[in-house]
């Protein structure tokens, strides 16, 4: 087991030496280090931008669905208001006709707000 660990240590040391050589070579070529950095930053920014766009598209879809639901509720309420208005008009018409026919007869009618 100790021999295996020593072999692994040697492999890591060789890898470290290779990485150091690459780093030194990159330092000698100053244009390559910034280029790699710019490339990495560009890729990162592109991924972030894609994620933001995806989030915005999802938000827009959710807003569209919410707006459609709200529009449907508003249409239902408008229909219900129209129905109630029609019923009120019918009741008012019946009440007016009833008052015309009752002439001078004394008939108890409960007070209805808004009707005289």
PDB file of N, CA and C in Angstrom:
ATOM      1  N   UNK A   1       0.821  -1.180   0.000  1.00  0.00           N
ATOM      2  CA  UNK A   1       0.000   0.000   0.000  1.00  0.00           C
ATOM      3  C   UNK A   1       0.871   1.252   0.000  1.00  0.00           C
ATOM      4  N   UNK A   2       1.952   1.205   0.773  1.00  0.00           N
ATOM      5  CA  UNK A   2       2.876   2.335   0.830  1.00  0.00           C
ATOM      6  C   UNK A   2       3.513   2.564  -0.532  1.00  0.00           C
ATOM      7  N   UNK A   3       3.821   1.508  -1.221  1.00  0.00           N
ATOM      8  CA  UNK A   3       4.428   1.624  -2.550  1.00  0.00           C
ATOM      9  C   UNK A   3       3.447   2.279  -3.524  1.00  0.00           C
ATOM     10  N   UNK A   4       2.192   1.940  -3.424  1.00  0.00           N
ATOM     11  CA  UNK A   4       1.177   2.524  -4.302  1.00  0.00           C
ATOM     12  C   UNK A   4       1.033   4.016  -4.032  1.00  0.00           C
ATOM     13  N   UNK A   5       1.077   4.397  -2.754  1.00  0.00           N
ATOM     14  CA  UNK A   5       0.972   5.815  -2.391  1.00  0.00           C
ATOM     15  C   UNK A   5       2.201   6.577  -2.890  1.00  0.00           C
ATOM     16  N   UNK A   6       3.385   5.971  -2.790  1.00  0.00           N
ATOM     17  CA  UNK A   6       4.600   6.623  -3.282  1.00  0.00           C
ATOM     18  C   UNK A   6       4.526   6.799  -4.799  1.00  0.00           C
ATOM     19  N   UNK A   7       3.990   5.810  -5.500  1.00  0.00           N
ATOM     20  CA  UNK A   7       3.834   5.905  -6.951  1.00  0.00           C
ATOM     21  C   UNK A   7       2.857   7.024  -7.312  1.00  0.00           C
ATOM     22  N   UNK A   8       1.786   7.101  -6.544  1.00  0.00           N
ATOM     23  CA  UNK A   8       0.800   8.171  -6.774  1.00  0.00           C
ATOM     24  C   UNK A   8       1.440   9.536  -6.510  1.00  0.00           C
ATOM     25  N   UNK A   9       2.265   9.638  -5.467  1.00  0.00           N
ATOM     26  CA  UNK A   9       2.949  10.885  -5.159  1.00  0.00           C
ATOM     27  C   UNK A   9       3.883  11.275  -6.292  1.00  0.00           C
ATOM     28  N   UNK A  10       4.627  10.311  -6.832  1.00  0.00           N
ATOM     29  CA  UNK A  10       5.522  10.600  -7.967  1.00  0.00           C
ATOM     30  C   UNK A  10       4.733  11.087  -9.182  1.00  0.00           C
ATOM     31  N   UNK A  11       3.562  10.477  -9.423  1.00  0.00           N
ATOM     32  CA  UNK A  11       2.730  10.886 -10.560  1.00  0.00           C
ATOM     33  C   UNK A  11       2.243  12.323 -10.366  1.00  0.00           C
ATOM     34  N   UNK A  12       1.842  12.639  -9.140  1.00  0.00           N
ATOM     35  CA  UNK A  12       1.407  14.004  -8.851  1.00  0.00           C
ATOM     36  C   UNK A  12       2.558  14.991  -9.007  1.00  0.00           C
ATOM     37  N   UNK A  13       3.750  14.600  -8.579  1.00  0.00           N
ATOM     38  CA  UNK A  13       4.910  15.489  -8.696  1.00  0.00           C
ATOM     39  C   UNK A  13       5.241  15.742 -10.168  1.00  0.00           C
ATOM     40  N   UNK A  14       5.141  14.693 -10.987  1.00  0.00           N
ATOM     41  CA  UNK A  14       5.393  14.865 -12.423  1.00  0.00           C
ATOM     42  C   UNK A  14       4.335  15.786 -13.052  1.00  0.00           C
ATOM     43  N   UNK A  15       3.114  15.587 -12.660  1.00  0.00           N
ATOM     44  CA  UNK A  15       2.048  16.435 -13.181  1.00  0.00           C
ATOM     45  C   UNK A  15       2.259  17.885 -12.758  1.00  0.00           C
ATOM     46  N   UNK A  16       2.688  18.088 -11.494  1.00  0.00           N
ATOM     47  CA  UNK A  16       2.961  19.436 -10.993  1.00  0.00           C
ATOM     48  C   UNK A  16       4.107  20.068 -11.769  1.00  0.00           C
ATOM     49  N   UNK A  17       5.128  19.290 -12.050  1.00  0.00           N
ATOM     50  CA  UNK A  17       6.269  19.811 -12.812  1.00  0.00           C
ATOM     51  C   UNK A  17       5.827  20.225 -14.218  1.00  0.00           C
ATOM     52  N   UNK A  18       4.999  19.421 -14.838  1.00  0.00           N
ATOM     53  CA  UNK A  18       4.493  19.744 -16.171  1.00  0.00           C
ATOM     54  C   UNK A  18       3.666  21.025 -16.138  1.00  0.00           C
ATOM     55  N   UNK A  19       2.831  21.150 -15.132  1.00  0.00           N
ATOM     56  CA  UNK A  19       2.010  22.353 -15.000  1.00  0.00           C
ATOM     57  C   UNK A  19       2.883  23.594 -14.781  1.00  0.00           C
ATOM     58  N   UNK A  20       3.937  23.451 -13.981  1.00  0.00           N
ATOM     59  CA  UNK A  20       4.852  24.579 -13.767  1.00  0.00           C
ATOM     60  C   UNK A  20       5.540  24.977 -15.063  1.00  0.00           C
ATOM     61  N   UNK A  21       5.969  23.976 -15.842  1.00  0.00           N
ATOM     62  CA  UNK A  21       6.607  24.271 -17.141  1.00  0.00           C
ATOM     63  C   UNK A  21       5.637  25.012 -18.055  1.00  0.00           C
ATOM     64  N   UNK A  22       4.411  24.562 -18.086  1.00  0.00           N
ATOM     65  CA  UNK A  22       3.401  25.232 -18.916  1.00  0.00           C
ATOM     66  C   UNK A  22       3.162  26.669 -18.451  1.00  0.00           C
ATOM     67  N   UNK A  23       3.132  26.847 -17.143  1.00  0.00           N
ATOM     68  CA  UNK A  23       2.934  28.182 -16.592  1.00  0.00           C
ATOM     69  C   UNK A  23       4.097  29.096 -16.963  1.00  0.00           C
ATOM     70  N   UNK A  24       5.304  28.579 -16.827  1.00  0.00           N
ATOM     71  CA  UNK A  24       6.476  29.389 -17.195  1.00  0.00           C
ATOM     72  C   UNK A  24       6.469  29.718 -18.683  1.00  0.00           C
ATOM     73  N   UNK A  25       6.069  28.773 -19.500  1.00  0.00           N
ATOM     74  CA  UNK A  25       5.999  29.009 -20.942  1.00  0.00           C
ATOM     75  C   UNK A  25       4.934  30.071 -21.242  1.00  0.00           C
ATOM     76  N   UNK A  26       3.836  30.027 -20.527  1.00  0.00           N
ATOM     77  CA  UNK A  26       2.788  31.030 -20.716  1.00  0.00           C
ATOM     78  C   UNK A  26       3.255  32.406 -20.289  1.00  0.00           C
ATOM     79  N   UNK A  27       4.048  32.479 -19.225  1.00  0.00           N
ATOM     80  CA  UNK A  27       4.555  33.767 -18.757  1.00  0.00           C
ATOM     81  C   UNK A  27       5.529  34.365 -19.769  1.00  0.00           C
ATOM     82  N   UNK A  28       6.247  33.519 -20.469  1.00  0.00           N
ATOM     83  CA  UNK A  28       7.173  34.014 -21.495  1.00  0.00           C
ATOM     84  C   UNK A  28       6.420  34.548 -22.702  1.00  0.00           C
ATOM     85  N   UNK A  29       5.220  34.034 -22.934  1.00  0.00           N
ATOM     86  CA  UNK A  29       4.372  34.498 -24.035  1.00  0.00           C
ATOM     87  C   UNK A  29       3.189  35.266 -23.434  1.00  0.00           C
ATOM     88  N   UNK A  30       3.381  36.553 -23.146  1.00  0.00           N
ATOM     89  CA  UNK A  30       2.344  37.317 -22.442  1.00  0.00           C
ATOM     90  C   UNK A  30       1.023  37.408 -23.199  1.00  0.00           C
ATOM     91  N   UNK A  31       1.036  37.342 -24.503  1.00  0.00           N
ATOM     92  CA  UNK A  31      -0.215  37.484 -25.244  1.00  0.00           C
ATOM     93  C   UNK A  31      -1.125  36.260 -25.083  1.00  0.00           C
ATOM     94  N   UNK A  32      -0.551  35.093 -24.796  1.00  0.00           N
ATOM     95  CA  UNK A  32      -1.368  33.889 -24.705  1.00  0.00           C
ATOM     96  C   UNK A  32      -2.159  33.817 -23.398  1.00  0.00           C
ATOM     97  N   UNK A  33      -1.609  34.318 -22.297  1.00  0.00           N
ATOM     98  CA  UNK A  33      -2.315  34.257 -21.019  1.00  0.00           C
ATOM     99  C   UNK A  33      -3.564  35.136 -21.058  1.00  0.00           C
ATOM    100  N   UNK A  34      -3.447  36.410 -21.466  1.00  0.00           N
ATOM    101  CA  UNK A  34      -4.669  37.210 -21.524  1.00  0.00           C
ATOM    102  C   UNK A  34      -5.693  36.640 -22.509  1.00  0.00           C
ATOM    103  N   UNK A  35      -5.208  36.069 -23.620  1.00  0.00           N
ATOM    104  CA  UNK A  35      -6.128  35.501 -24.600  1.00  0.00           C
ATOM    105  C   UNK A  35      -6.930  34.360 -23.986  1.00  0.00           C
ATOM    106  N   UNK A  36      -6.271  33.500 -23.225  1.00  0.00           N
ATOM    107  CA  UNK A  36      -6.994  32.402 -22.558  1.00  0.00           C
ATOM    108  C   UNK A  36      -7.979  32.962 -21.551  1.00  0.00           C
ATOM    109  N   UNK A  37      -7.543  33.977 -20.825  1.00  0.00           N
ATOM    110  CA  UNK A  37      -8.413  34.588 -19.834  1.00  0.00           C
ATOM    111  C   UNK A  37      -9.638  35.222 -20.498  1.00  0.00           C
ATOM    112  N   UNK A  38      -9.397  35.919 -21.607  1.00  0.00           N
ATOM    113  CA  UNK A  38     -10.494  36.553 -22.338  1.00  0.00           C
ATOM    114  C   UNK A  38     -11.449  35.488 -22.873  1.00  0.00           C
ATOM    115  N   UNK A  39     -10.889  34.408 -23.394  1.00  0.00           N
ATOM    116  CA  UNK A  39     -11.721  33.332 -23.925  1.00  0.00           C
ATOM    117  C   UNK A  39     -12.581  32.727 -22.824  1.00  0.00           C
ATOM    118  N   UNK A  40     -11.964  32.484 -21.655  1.00  0.00           N
ATOM    119  CA  UNK A  40     -12.720  31.921 -20.532  1.00  0.00           C
ATOM    120  C   UNK A  40     -13.812  32.887 -20.090  1.00  0.00           C
ATOM    121  N   UNK A  41     -13.454  34.190 -19.995  1.00  0.00           N
ATOM    122  CA  UNK A  41     -14.439  35.192 -19.593  1.00  0.00           C
ATOM    123  C   UNK A  41     -15.573  35.281 -20.611  1.00  0.00           C
ATOM    124  N   UNK A  42     -15.221  35.231 -21.892  1.00  0.00           N
ATOM    125  CA  UNK A  42     -16.231  35.297 -22.936  1.00  0.00           C
ATOM    126  C   UNK A  42     -17.189  34.114 -22.835  1.00  0.00           C
ATOM    127  N   UNK A  43     -16.632  32.930 -22.632  1.00  0.00           N
ATOM    128  CA  UNK A  43     -17.481  31.738 -22.494  1.00  0.00           C
ATOM    129  C   UNK A  43     -18.374  31.842 -21.267  1.00  0.00           C
ATOM    130  N   UNK A  44     -17.798  32.305 -20.169  1.00  0.00           N
ATOM    131  CA  UNK A  44     -18.569  32.458 -18.925  1.00  0.00           C
ATOM    132  C   UNK A  44     -19.684  33.487 -19.112  1.00  0.00           C
ATOM    133  N   UNK A  45     -19.338  34.614 -19.720  1.00  0.00           N
ATOM    134  CA  UNK A  45     -20.346  35.648 -19.955  1.00  0.00           C
ATOM    135  C   UNK A  45     -21.443  35.165 -20.895  1.00  0.00           C
ATOM    136  N   UNK A  46     -21.060  34.397 -21.907  1.00  0.00           N
ATOM    137  CA  UNK A  46     -22.054  33.847 -22.827  1.00  0.00           C
ATOM    138  C   UNK A  46     -22.997  32.897 -22.094  1.00  0.00           C
ATOM    139  N   UNK A  47     -22.447  32.043 -21.222  1.00  0.00           N
ATOM    140  CA  UNK A  47     -23.288  31.119 -20.447  1.00  0.00           C
ATOM    141  C   UNK A  47     -24.223  31.892 -19.520  1.00  0.00           C
ATOM    142  N   UNK A  48     -23.673  32.926 -18.853  1.00  0.00           N
ATOM    143  CA  UNK A  48     -24.503  33.731 -17.965  1.00  0.00           C
ATOM    144  C   UNK A  48     -25.606  34.436 -18.752  1.00  0.00           C
ATOM    145  N   UNK A  49     -25.233  34.966 -19.918  1.00  0.00           N
ATOM    146  CA  UNK A  49     -26.210  35.646 -20.769  1.00  0.00           C
ATOM    147  C   UNK A  49     -27.308  34.672 -21.216  1.00  0.00           C
ATOM    148  N   UNK A  50     -26.905  33.471 -21.615  1.00  0.00           N
ATOM    149  CA  UNK A  50     -27.887  32.452 -22.017  1.00  0.00           C
ATOM    150  C   UNK A  50     -28.825  32.112 -20.866  1.00  0.00           C
ATOM    151  N   UNK A  51     -28.268  32.008 -19.656  1.00  0.00           N
ATOM    152  CA  UNK A  51     -29.087  31.691 -18.485  1.00  0.00           C
ATOM    153  C   UNK A  51     -30.065  32.827 -18.193  1.00  0.00           C
ATOM    154  N   UNK A  52     -29.588  34.056 -18.295  1.00  0.00           N
ATOM    155  CA  UNK A  52     -30.460  35.217 -18.071  1.00  0.00           C
ATOM    156  C   UNK A  52     -31.580  35.239 -19.105  1.00  0.00           C
ATOM    157  N   UNK A  53     -31.223  35.012 -20.362  1.00  0.00           N
ATOM    158  CA  UNK A  53     -32.240  35.004 -21.412  1.00  0.00           C
ATOM    159  C   UNK A  53     -33.262  33.889 -21.173  1.00  0.00           C
ATOM    160  N   UNK A  54     -32.788  32.737 -20.767  1.00  0.00           N
ATOM    161  CA  UNK A  54     -33.691  31.617 -20.479  1.00  0.00           C
ATOM    162  C   UNK A  54     -34.635  31.979 -19.332  1.00  0.00           C
ATOM    163  N   UNK A  55     -34.089  32.598 -18.289  1.00  0.00           N
ATOM    164  CA  UNK A  55     -34.917  33.016 -17.158  1.00  0.00           C
ATOM    165  C   UNK A  55     -35.950  34.054 -17.589  1.00  0.00           C
ATOM    166  N   UNK A  56     -35.533  34.995 -18.430  1.00  0.00           N
ATOM    167  CA  UNK A  56     -36.464  36.019 -18.895  1.00  0.00           C
ATOM    168  C   UNK A  56     -37.563  35.420 -19.764  1.00  0.00           C
ATOM    169  N   UNK A  57     -37.205  34.461 -20.614  1.00  0.00           N
ATOM    170  CA  UNK A  57     -38.211  33.805 -21.445  1.00  0.00           C
ATOM    171  C   UNK A  57     -39.217  33.058 -20.579  1.00  0.00           C
ATOM    172  N   UNK A  58     -38.725  32.388 -19.547  1.00  0.00           N
ATOM    173  CA  UNK A  58     -39.615  31.664 -18.633  1.00  0.00           C
ATOM    174  C   UNK A  58     -40.533  32.642 -17.914  1.00  0.00           C
ATOM    175  N   UNK A  59     -39.971  33.767 -17.452  1.00  0.00           N
ATOM    176  CA  UNK A  59     -40.767  34.785 -16.775  1.00  0.00           C
ATOM    177  C   UNK A  59     -41.841  35.327 -17.716  1.00  0.00           C
ATOM    178  N   UNK A  60     -41.462  35.593 -18.966  1.00  0.00           N
ATOM    179  CA  UNK A  60     -42.425  36.125 -19.943  1.00  0.00           C
ATOM    180  C   UNK A  60     -43.556  35.127 -20.174  1.00  0.00           C
ATOM    181  N   UNK A  61     -43.231  33.833 -20.270  1.00  0.00           N
ATOM    182  CA  UNK A  61     -44.266  32.811 -20.441  1.00  0.00           C
ATOM    183  C   UNK A  61     -45.208  32.791 -19.239  1.00  0.00           C
ATOM    184  N   UNK A  62     -44.629  32.873 -18.042  1.00  0.00           N
ATOM    185  CA  UNK A  62     -45.445  32.866 -16.831  1.00  0.00           C
ATOM    186  C   UNK A  62     -46.350  34.103 -16.786  1.00  0.00           C
ATOM    187  N   UNK A  63     -45.806  35.260 -17.184  1.00  0.00           N
ATOM    188  CA  UNK A  63     -46.598  36.487 -17.201  1.00  0.00           C
ATOM    189  C   UNK A  63     -47.739  36.386 -18.218  1.00  0.00           C
ATOM    190  N   UNK A  64     -47.453  35.789 -19.373  1.00  0.00           N
ATOM    191  CA  UNK A  64     -48.484  35.635 -20.395  1.00  0.00           C
ATOM    192  C   UNK A  64     -49.628  34.771 -19.869  1.00  0.00           C
ATOM    193  N   UNK A  65     -49.284  33.665 -19.216  1.00  0.00           N
ATOM    194  CA  UNK A  65     -50.306  32.775 -18.658  1.00  0.00           C
ATOM    195  C   UNK A  65     -51.113  33.503 -17.585  1.00  0.00           C
ATOM    196  N   UNK A  66     -50.410  34.228 -16.703  1.00  0.00           N
ATOM    197  CA  UNK A  66     -51.101  34.965 -15.639  1.00  0.00           C
ATOM    198  C   UNK A  66     -52.020  36.033 -16.234  1.00  0.00           C
ATOM    199  N   UNK A  67     -51.566  36.725 -17.271  1.00  0.00           N
ATOM    200  CA  UNK A  67     -52.391  37.755 -17.916  1.00  0.00           C
ATOM    201  C   UNK A  67     -53.608  37.147 -18.597  1.00  0.00           C
ATOM    202  N   UNK A  68     -53.431  35.980 -19.219  1.00  0.00           N
ATOM    203  CA  UNK A  68     -54.574  35.311 -19.846  1.00  0.00           C
ATOM    204  C   UNK A  68     -55.611  34.912 -18.802  1.00  0.00           C
ATOM    205  N   UNK A  69     -55.144  34.391 -17.670  1.00  0.00           N
ATOM    206  CA  UNK A  69     -56.073  34.012 -16.599  1.00  0.00           C
ATOM    207  C   UNK A  69     -56.809  35.243 -16.075  1.00  0.00           C
ATOM    208  N   UNK A  70     -56.076  36.327 -15.884  1.00  0.00           N
ATOM    209  CA  UNK A  70     -56.693  37.558 -15.396  1.00  0.00           C
ATOM    210  C   UNK A  70     -57.705  38.085 -16.406  1.00  0.00           C
ATOM    211  N   UNK A  71     -57.348  38.048 -17.692  1.00  0.00           N
ATOM    212  CA  UNK A  71     -58.277  38.482 -18.739  1.00  0.00           C
ATOM    213  C   UNK A  71     -59.548  37.655 -18.739  1.00  0.00           C
ATOM    214  N   UNK A  72     -59.403  36.337 -18.565  1.00  0.00           N
ATOM    215  CA  UNK A  72     -60.582  35.457 -18.504  1.00  0.00           C
ATOM    216  C   UNK A  72     -61.469  35.807 -17.311  1.00  0.00           C
ATOM    217  N   UNK A  73     -60.858  36.059 -16.161  1.00  0.00           N
ATOM    218  CA  UNK A  73     -61.640  36.429 -14.979  1.00  0.00           C
ATOM    219  C   UNK A  73     -62.371  37.746 -15.211  1.00  0.00           C
ATOM    220  N   UNK A  74     -61.689  38.704 -15.830  1.00  0.00           N
ATOM    221  CA  UNK A  74     -62.326  39.992 -16.105  1.00  0.00           C
ATOM    222  C   UNK A  74     -63.509  39.830 -17.052  1.00  0.00           C
ATOM    223  N   UNK A  75     -63.349  39.008 -18.094  1.00  0.00           N
ATOM    224  CA  UNK A  75     -64.452  38.765 -19.029  1.00  0.00           C
ATOM    225  C   UNK A  75     -65.638  38.127 -18.308  1.00  0.00           C
ATOM    226  N   UNK A  76     -65.355  37.167 -17.419  1.00  0.00           N
ATOM    227  CA  UNK A  76     -66.429  36.529 -16.649  1.00  0.00           C
ATOM    228  C   UNK A  76     -67.150  37.556 -15.782  1.00  0.00           C
ATOM    229  N   UNK A  77     -66.397  38.450 -15.153  1.00  0.00           N
ATOM    230  CA  UNK A  77     -67.005  39.467 -14.299  1.00  0.00           C
ATOM    231  C   UNK A  77     -67.848  40.441 -15.116  1.00  0.00           C
ATOM    232  N   UNK A  78     -67.367  40.804 -16.302  1.00  0.00           N
ATOM    233  CA  UNK A  78     -68.136  41.698 -17.164  1.00  0.00           C
ATOM    234  C   UNK A  78     -69.455  41.034 -17.556  1.00  0.00           C
ATOM    235  N   UNK A  79     -69.419  39.745 -17.903  1.00  0.00           N
ATOM    236  CA  UNK A  79     -70.643  39.022 -18.242  1.00  0.00           C
ATOM    237  C   UNK A  79     -71.595  38.984 -17.049  1.00  0.00           C
ATOM    238  N   UNK A  80     -71.046  38.736 -15.865  1.00  0.00           N
ATOM    239  CA  UNK A  80     -71.875  38.653 -14.665  1.00  0.00           C
ATOM    240  C   UNK A  80     -72.505  40.013 -14.358  1.00  0.00           C
ATOM    241  N   UNK A  81     -71.730  41.084 -14.510  1.00  0.00           N
ATOM    242  CA  UNK A  81     -72.262  42.437 -14.288  1.00  0.00           C
ATOM    243  C   UNK A  81     -73.374  42.730 -15.287  1.00  0.00           C
ATOM    244  N   UNK A  82     -73.171  42.346 -16.545  1.00  0.00           N
ATOM    245  CA  UNK A  82     -74.207  42.561 -17.559  1.00  0.00           C
ATOM    246  C   UNK A  82     -75.478  41.793 -17.197  1.00  0.00           C
ATOM    247  N   UNK A  83     -75.316  40.571 -16.711  1.00  0.00           N
ATOM    248  CA  UNK A  83     -76.471  39.756 -16.309  1.00  0.00           C
ATOM    249  C   UNK A  83     -77.209  40.416 -15.146  1.00  0.00           C
ATOM    250  N   UNK A  84     -76.453  40.868 -14.146  1.00  0.00           N
ATOM    251  CA  UNK A  84     -77.079  41.526 -12.995  1.00  0.00           C
ATOM    252  C   UNK A  84     -77.774  42.822 -13.403  1.00  0.00           C
ATOM    253  N   UNK A  85     -77.154  43.560 -14.299  1.00  0.00           N
ATOM    254  CA  UNK A  85     -77.762  44.799 -14.779  1.00  0.00           C
ATOM    255  C   UNK A  85     -79.081  44.491 -15.496  1.00  0.00           C
ATOM    256  N   UNK A  86     -79.076  43.453 -16.318  1.00  0.00           N
ATOM    257  CA  UNK A  86     -80.307  43.031 -17.003  1.00  0.00           C
ATOM    258  C   UNK A  86     -81.383  42.628 -16.018  1.00  0.00           C
ATOM    259  N   UNK A  87     -81.013  41.875 -14.989  1.00  0.00           N
ATOM    260  CA  UNK A  87     -81.980  41.457 -13.976  1.00  0.00           C
ATOM    261  C   UNK A  87     -82.527  42.666 -13.220  1.00  0.00           C
ATOM    262  N   UNK A  88     -81.659  43.612 -12.896  1.00  0.00           N
ATOM    263  CA  UNK A  88     -82.093  44.822 -12.196  1.00  0.00           C
ATOM    264  C   UNK A  88     -83.087  45.604 -13.055  1.00  0.00           C
ATOM    265  N   UNK A  89     -82.764  45.743 -14.339  1.00  0.00           N
ATOM    266  CA  UNK A  89     -83.667  46.455 -15.254  1.00  0.00           C
ATOM    267  C   UNK A  89     -85.018  45.751 -15.345  1.00  0.00           C
ATOM    268  N   UNK A  90     -85.010  44.427 -15.390  1.00  0.00           N
ATOM    269  CA  UNK A  90     -86.269  43.663 -15.452  1.00  0.00           C
ATOM    270  C   UNK A  90     -87.092  43.878 -14.192  1.00  0.00           C
ATOM    271  N   UNK A  91     -86.446  43.832 -13.055  1.00  0.00           N
ATOM    272  CA  UNK A  91     -87.144  44.032 -11.783  1.00  0.00           C
ATOM    273  C   UNK A  91     -87.701  45.447 -11.707  1.00  0.00           C
ATOM    274  N   UNK A  92     -86.923  46.424 -12.139  1.00  0.00           N
ATOM    275  CA  UNK A  92     -87.379  47.815 -12.133  1.00  0.00           C
ATOM    276  C   UNK A  92     -88.591  47.985 -13.053  1.00  0.00           C
ATOM    277  N   UNK A  93     -88.557  47.355 -14.216  1.00  0.00           N
ATOM    278  CA  UNK A  93     -89.677  47.420 -15.156  1.00  0.00           C
ATOM    279  C   UNK A  93     -90.926  46.779 -14.535  1.00  0.00           C
ATOM    280  N   UNK A  94     -90.765  45.608 -13.924  1.00  0.00           N
ATOM    281  CA  UNK A  94     -91.895  44.942 -13.264  1.00  0.00           C
ATOM    282  C   UNK A  94     -92.455  45.819 -12.143  1.00  0.00           C
ATOM    283  N   UNK A  95     -91.586  46.403 -11.371  1.00  0.00           N
ATOM    284  CA  UNK A  95     -91.999  47.253 -10.264  1.00  0.00           C
ATOM    285  C   UNK A  95     -92.776  48.470 -10.787  1.00  0.00           C
ATOM    286  N   UNK A  96     -92.267  49.073 -11.868  1.00  0.00           N
ATOM    287  CA  UNK A  96     -92.934  50.233 -12.459  1.00  0.00           C
ATOM    288  C   UNK A  96     -94.309  49.839 -12.977  1.00  0.00           C
ATOM    289  N   UNK A  97     -94.424  48.715 -13.663  1.00  0.00           N
ATOM    290  CA  UNK A  97     -95.709  48.230 -14.175  1.00  0.00           C
ATOM    291  C   UNK A  97     -96.665  47.936 -13.024  1.00  0.00           C
ATOM    292  N   UNK A  98     -96.167  47.355 -11.994  1.00  0.00           N
ATOM    293  CA  UNK A  98     -96.984  47.034 -10.834  1.00  0.00           C
ATOM    294  C   UNK A  98     -97.545  48.310 -10.210  1.00  0.00           C
ATOM    295  N   UNK A  99     -96.705  49.341 -10.089  1.00  0.00           N
ATOM    296  CA  UNK A  99     -97.133  50.619  -9.510  1.00  0.00           C
ATOM    297  C   UNK A  99     -98.202  51.280 -10.377  1.00  0.00           C
ATOM    298  N   UNK A 100     -98.066  51.180 -11.708  1.00  0.00           N
ATOM    299  CA  UNK A 100     -99.050  51.778 -12.620  1.00  0.00           C
ATOM    300  C   UNK A 100    -100.416  51.117 -12.438  1.00  0.00           C
ATOM    301  N   UNK A 101    -100.447  49.823 -12.288  1.00  0.00           N
ATOM    302  CA  UNK A 101    -101.700  49.080 -12.205  1.00  0.00           C
ATOM    303  C   UNK A 101    -102.335  49.139 -10.824  1.00  0.00           C
ATOM    304  N   UNK A 102    -101.582  49.466  -9.844  1.00  0.00           N
ATOM    305  CA  UNK A 102    -102.146  49.485  -8.498  1.00  0.00           C
ATOM    306  C   UNK A 102    -102.894  50.786  -8.226  1.00  0.00           C
ATOM    307  N   UNK A 103    -102.792  51.775  -9.053  1.00  0.00           N
ATOM    308  CA  UNK A 103    -103.436  53.087  -8.971  1.00  0.00           C
ATOM    309  C   UNK A 103    -103.530  53.570  -7.540  1.00  0.00           C
ATOM    310  N   UNK A 104    -104.671  53.661  -7.058  1.00  0.00           N
ATOM    311  CA  UNK A 104    -104.864  54.207  -5.738  1.00  0.00           C
ATOM    312  C   UNK A 104    -104.958  53.153  -4.662  1.00  0.00           C
ATOM    313  N   UNK A 105    -104.862  51.907  -5.023  1.00  0.00           N
ATOM    314  CA  UNK A 105    -104.976  50.839  -4.037  1.00  0.00           C
ATOM    315  C   UNK A 105    -103.797  50.902  -3.082  1.00  0.00           C
ATOM    316  N   UNK A 106    -104.076  50.649  -1.855  1.00  0.00           N
ATOM    317  CA  UNK A 106    -103.010  50.632  -0.864  1.00  0.00           C
ATOM    318  C   UNK A 106    -102.463  49.211  -0.812  1.00  0.00           C
ATOM    319  N   UNK A 107    -101.276  49.093  -1.230  1.00  0.00           N
ATOM    320  CA  UNK A 107    -100.629  47.791  -1.243  1.00  0.00           C
ATOM    321  C   UNK A 107     -99.292  47.958  -0.547  1.00  0.00           C
ATOM    322  N   UNK A 108     -99.038  47.066   0.373  1.00  0.00           N
ATOM    323  CA  UNK A 108     -97.755  47.130   1.073  1.00  0.00           C
ATOM    324  C   UNK A 108     -96.671  46.619   0.144  1.00  0.00           C
ATOM    325  N   UNK A 109     -95.667  47.455  -0.042  1.00  0.00           N
ATOM    326  CA  UNK A 109     -94.495  47.034  -0.813  1.00  0.00           C
ATOM    327  C   UNK A 109     -93.268  47.351   0.017  1.00  0.00           C
ATOM    328  N   UNK A 110     -92.434  46.393   0.199  1.00  0.00           N
ATOM    329  CA  UNK A 110     -91.209  46.659   0.976  1.00  0.00           C
ATOM    330  C   UNK A 110     -90.360  47.674   0.220  1.00  0.00           C
ATOM    331  N   UNK A 111     -89.658  48.476   0.973  1.00  0.00           N
ATOM    332  CA  UNK A 111     -88.838  49.493   0.333  1.00  0.00           C
ATOM    333  C   UNK A 111     -87.657  48.834  -0.387  1.00  0.00           C
ATOM    334  N   UNK A 112     -87.430  49.274  -1.568  1.00  0.00           N
ATOM    335  CA  UNK A 112     -86.302  48.774  -2.371  1.00  0.00           C
ATOM    336  C   UNK A 112     -85.370  49.947  -2.570  1.00  0.00           C
ATOM    337  N   UNK A 113     -84.148  49.849  -2.132  1.00  0.00           N
ATOM    338  CA  UNK A 113     -83.220  50.965  -2.261  1.00  0.00           C
ATOM    339  C   UNK A 113     -83.115  51.417  -3.711  1.00  0.00           C
ATOM    340  N   UNK A 114     -83.184  52.731  -3.898  1.00  0.00           N
ATOM    341  CA  UNK A 114     -83.040  53.282  -5.237  1.00  0.00           C
ATOM    342  C   UNK A 114     -84.328  53.362  -5.999  1.00  0.00           C
ATOM    343  N   UNK A 115     -85.433  52.837  -5.459  1.00  0.00           N
ATOM    344  CA  UNK A 115     -86.722  52.874  -6.158  1.00  0.00           C
ATOM    345  C   UNK A 115     -87.689  53.728  -5.344  1.00  0.00           C
ATOM    346  N   UNK A 116     -88.400  54.578  -6.052  1.00  0.00           N
ATOM    347  CA  UNK A 116     -89.356  55.454  -5.375  1.00  0.00           C
ATOM    348  C   UNK A 116     -90.754  55.081  -5.793  1.00  0.00           C
TER     349      UNK A 116
END
